[in-house]
């Protein structure tokens, strides 16, 4: 490798590091609102800034009970009666715009910012 190849490699690494730091530092400081929906109906809206301890919420679903947990940083599904448990494997959501969906049980967890809750991305006619 030549000297310019090493320089190009260093520049690419620095740009990647700067992008990583930018995207992981900007969204963590905003207020987050957790919206919990079951069968297209909002069950609960939780302002995560006001949460003081880890909280458990049991959602009655068709096949049993879906248990979700949330704290000041985010939310996750702890247990679900669905067959493949994909909602559990999605892990914890901590950034606005992230979603956990349990399709067999029709449960949707969404993190959003309080002002952007009613905004539409697009309207198609």
C-alpha atoms as a PDB file:
ATOM      1  CA  UNK A   1       0.000   0.000   0.000  1.00  0.00           C
ATOM      2  CA  UNK A   2       1.097   3.495  -0.736  1.00  0.00           C
ATOM      3  CA  UNK A   3       1.112   6.475   1.575  1.00  0.00           C
ATOM      4  CA  UNK A   4      -2.079   7.876  -0.021  1.00  0.00           C
ATOM      5  CA  UNK A   5      -3.893   4.577   0.567  1.00  0.00           C
ATOM      6  CA  UNK A   6      -3.199   4.834   4.299  1.00  0.00           C
ATOM      7  CA  UNK A   7      -4.335   8.448   4.292  1.00  0.00           C
ATOM      8  CA  UNK A   8      -7.594   7.499   2.545  1.00  0.00           C
ATOM      9  CA  UNK A   9      -8.180   4.705   5.078  1.00  0.00           C
ATOM     10  CA  UNK A  10      -7.668   7.120   7.989  1.00  0.00           C
ATOM     11  CA  UNK A  11     -10.088   9.663   6.455  1.00  0.00           C
ATOM     12  CA  UNK A  12     -12.770   6.997   5.939  1.00  0.00           C
ATOM     13  CA  UNK A  13     -12.398   5.816   9.548  1.00  0.00           C
ATOM     14  CA  UNK A  14     -12.668   9.377  10.873  1.00  0.00           C
ATOM     15  CA  UNK A  15     -15.814  10.072   8.822  1.00  0.00           C
ATOM     16  CA  UNK A  16     -17.387   6.819  10.064  1.00  0.00           C
ATOM     17  CA  UNK A  17     -16.539   7.666  13.683  1.00  0.00           C
ATOM     18  CA  UNK A  18     -17.936  11.195  13.325  1.00  0.00           C
ATOM     19  CA  UNK A  19     -21.194   9.822  11.865  1.00  0.00           C
ATOM     20  CA  UNK A  20     -21.520   7.281  14.653  1.00  0.00           C
ATOM     21  CA  UNK A  21     -20.982   9.906  17.357  1.00  0.00           C
ATOM     22  CA  UNK A  22     -23.406  12.330  15.702  1.00  0.00           C
ATOM     23  CA  UNK A  23     -26.274   9.847  15.456  1.00  0.00           C
ATOM     24  CA  UNK A  24     -25.790   8.483  18.962  1.00  0.00           C
ATOM     25  CA  UNK A  25     -25.516  11.840  20.709  1.00  0.00           C
ATOM     26  CA  UNK A  26     -28.367  13.844  19.195  1.00  0.00           C
ATOM     27  CA  UNK A  27     -31.522  11.833  19.929  1.00  0.00           C
ATOM     28  CA  UNK A  28     -30.865  10.674  23.494  1.00  0.00           C
ATOM     29  CA  UNK A  29     -31.484  14.100  25.011  1.00  0.00           C
ATOM     30  CA  UNK A  30     -35.000  14.635  23.655  1.00  0.00           C
ATOM     31  CA  UNK A  31     -38.177  13.849  25.571  1.00  0.00           C
ATOM     32  CA  UNK A  32     -39.736  10.511  24.678  1.00  0.00           C
ATOM     33  CA  UNK A  33     -43.337   9.364  24.704  1.00  0.00           C
ATOM     34  CA  UNK A  34     -44.158   5.638  24.691  1.00  0.00           C
ATOM     35  CA  UNK A  35     -47.394   4.786  22.901  1.00  0.00           C
ATOM     36  CA  UNK A  36     -48.809   1.319  23.557  1.00  0.00           C
ATOM     37  CA  UNK A  37     -51.469   0.099  21.109  1.00  0.00           C
ATOM     38  CA  UNK A  38     -53.483  -3.101  20.992  1.00  0.00           C
ATOM     39  CA  UNK A  39     -55.728  -3.863  18.027  1.00  0.00           C
ATOM     40  CA  UNK A  40     -55.333  -0.272  16.677  1.00  0.00           C
ATOM     41  CA  UNK A  41     -56.503   1.249  19.989  1.00  0.00           C
ATOM     42  CA  UNK A  42     -54.185   3.244  22.210  1.00  0.00           C
ATOM     43  CA  UNK A  43     -54.006   1.546  25.606  1.00  0.00           C
ATOM     44  CA  UNK A  44     -51.591   3.908  27.282  1.00  0.00           C
ATOM     45  CA  UNK A  45     -49.317   6.890  26.646  1.00  0.00           C
ATOM     46  CA  UNK A  46     -46.319   7.121  28.938  1.00  0.00           C
ATOM     47  CA  UNK A  47     -44.020  10.131  29.234  1.00  0.00           C
ATOM     48  CA  UNK A  48     -40.703   8.388  29.920  1.00  0.00           C
ATOM     49  CA  UNK A  49     -39.212  11.486  31.578  1.00  0.00           C
ATOM     50  CA  UNK A  50     -41.704  11.099  34.424  1.00  0.00           C
ATOM     51  CA  UNK A  51     -40.968   7.398  35.010  1.00  0.00           C
ATOM     52  CA  UNK A  52     -38.977   6.877  38.209  1.00  0.00           C
ATOM     53  CA  UNK A  53     -38.599   3.082  38.300  1.00  0.00           C
ATOM     54  CA  UNK A  54     -38.797   0.093  35.994  1.00  0.00           C
ATOM     55  CA  UNK A  55     -42.498  -0.517  35.377  1.00  0.00           C
ATOM     56  CA  UNK A  56     -44.313  -3.663  34.264  1.00  0.00           C
ATOM     57  CA  UNK A  57     -47.498  -3.583  32.187  1.00  0.00           C
ATOM     58  CA  UNK A  58     -49.565  -6.661  31.379  1.00  0.00           C
ATOM     59  CA  UNK A  59     -51.627  -6.425  28.183  1.00  0.00           C
ATOM     60  CA  UNK A  60     -54.403  -9.008  27.852  1.00  0.00           C
ATOM     61  CA  UNK A  61     -54.293 -10.481  24.335  1.00  0.00           C
ATOM     62  CA  UNK A  62     -56.135 -13.250  22.529  1.00  0.00           C
ATOM     63  CA  UNK A  63     -53.750 -16.063  23.501  1.00  0.00           C
ATOM     64  CA  UNK A  64     -52.916 -14.919  27.048  1.00  0.00           C
ATOM     65  CA  UNK A  65     -50.976 -11.965  28.421  1.00  0.00           C
ATOM     66  CA  UNK A  66     -48.189  -9.944  26.835  1.00  0.00           C
ATOM     67  CA  UNK A  67     -45.861  -8.440  29.436  1.00  0.00           C
ATOM     68  CA  UNK A  68     -43.918  -5.317  28.600  1.00  0.00           C
ATOM     69  CA  UNK A  69     -41.465  -3.332  30.685  1.00  0.00           C
ATOM     70  CA  UNK A  70     -40.424   0.296  30.461  1.00  0.00           C
ATOM     71  CA  UNK A  71     -38.105   2.622  32.311  1.00  0.00           C
ATOM     72  CA  UNK A  72     -36.745   6.143  31.872  1.00  0.00           C
ATOM     73  CA  UNK A  73     -34.621   5.112  28.863  1.00  0.00           C
ATOM     74  CA  UNK A  74     -36.976   2.914  26.815  1.00  0.00           C
ATOM     75  CA  UNK A  75     -39.263  -0.106  26.579  1.00  0.00           C
ATOM     76  CA  UNK A  76     -39.114  -3.813  25.736  1.00  0.00           C
ATOM     77  CA  UNK A  77     -41.321  -6.905  25.634  1.00  0.00           C
ATOM     78  CA  UNK A  78     -40.511  -9.299  28.465  1.00  0.00           C
ATOM     79  CA  UNK A  79     -42.872 -12.153  27.599  1.00  0.00           C
ATOM     80  CA  UNK A  80     -45.450 -12.930  24.952  1.00  0.00           C
ATOM     81  CA  UNK A  81     -47.697 -15.879  24.119  1.00  0.00           C
ATOM     82  CA  UNK A  82     -46.936 -15.582  20.388  1.00  0.00           C
ATOM     83  CA  UNK A  83     -45.245 -18.626  18.811  1.00  0.00           C
ATOM     84  CA  UNK A  84     -41.984 -17.164  17.445  1.00  0.00           C
ATOM     85  CA  UNK A  85     -41.300 -14.518  20.141  1.00  0.00           C
ATOM     86  CA  UNK A  86     -39.894 -12.037  17.606  1.00  0.00           C
ATOM     87  CA  UNK A  87     -41.138  -9.117  19.687  1.00  0.00           C
ATOM     88  CA  UNK A  88     -38.978 -10.271  22.600  1.00  0.00           C
ATOM     89  CA  UNK A  89     -35.923 -10.680  20.373  1.00  0.00           C
ATOM     90  CA  UNK A  90     -36.266  -7.094  19.069  1.00  0.00           C
ATOM     91  CA  UNK A  91     -34.781  -5.926  22.363  1.00  0.00           C
ATOM     92  CA  UNK A  92     -35.118  -2.559  24.030  1.00  0.00           C
ATOM     93  CA  UNK A  93     -36.165   0.507  22.067  1.00  0.00           C
ATOM     94  CA  UNK A  94     -34.513   3.704  23.295  1.00  0.00           C
ATOM     95  CA  UNK A  95     -34.698   6.232  20.431  1.00  0.00           C
ATOM     96  CA  UNK A  96     -37.640   8.211  19.087  1.00  0.00           C
ATOM     97  CA  UNK A  97     -39.014   6.572  15.962  1.00  0.00           C
ATOM     98  CA  UNK A  98     -38.292   2.995  17.014  1.00  0.00           C
ATOM     99  CA  UNK A  99     -41.091   0.423  17.183  1.00  0.00           C
ATOM    100  CA  UNK A 100     -41.674  -3.072  18.538  1.00  0.00           C
ATOM    101  CA  UNK A 101     -44.485  -5.012  16.885  1.00  0.00           C
ATOM    102  CA  UNK A 102     -46.056  -8.289  17.974  1.00  0.00           C
ATOM    103  CA  UNK A 103     -48.133  -9.099  14.910  1.00  0.00           C
ATOM    104  CA  UNK A 104     -49.884 -12.282  16.092  1.00  0.00           C
ATOM    105  CA  UNK A 105     -51.138 -10.466  19.202  1.00  0.00           C
ATOM    106  CA  UNK A 106     -51.698  -7.092  17.438  1.00  0.00           C
ATOM    107  CA  UNK A 107     -49.596  -5.110  19.934  1.00  0.00           C
ATOM    108  CA  UNK A 108     -47.468  -2.128  18.898  1.00  0.00           C
ATOM    109  CA  UNK A 109     -45.001  -0.168  21.056  1.00  0.00           C
ATOM    110  CA  UNK A 110     -43.764   3.101  19.569  1.00  0.00           C
ATOM    111  CA  UNK A 111     -41.342   5.687  20.929  1.00  0.00           C
ATOM    112  CA  UNK A 112     -41.932   9.198  19.675  1.00  0.00           C
ATOM    113  CA  UNK A 113     -41.350  12.770  20.744  1.00  0.00           C
ATOM    114  CA  UNK A 114     -44.396  14.503  22.276  1.00  0.00           C
ATOM    115  CA  UNK A 115     -44.708  17.158  19.533  1.00  0.00           C
ATOM    116  CA  UNK A 116     -44.411  14.727  16.614  1.00  0.00           C
ATOM    117  CA  UNK A 117     -47.138  12.344  17.712  1.00  0.00           C
ATOM    118  CA  UNK A 118     -49.850  13.704  15.405  1.00  0.00           C
ATOM    119  CA  UNK A 119     -47.697  14.560  12.387  1.00  0.00           C
ATOM    120  CA  UNK A 120     -48.162  12.633   9.165  1.00  0.00           C
ATOM    121  CA  UNK A 121     -45.329  11.575   6.865  1.00  0.00           C
ATOM    122  CA  UNK A 122     -47.570  11.509   3.797  1.00  0.00           C
ATOM    123  CA  UNK A 123     -51.212  11.419   2.792  1.00  0.00           C
ATOM    124  CA  UNK A 124     -52.141   9.328  -0.236  1.00  0.00           C
ATOM    125  CA  UNK A 125     -55.456   9.621  -2.022  1.00  0.00           C
END
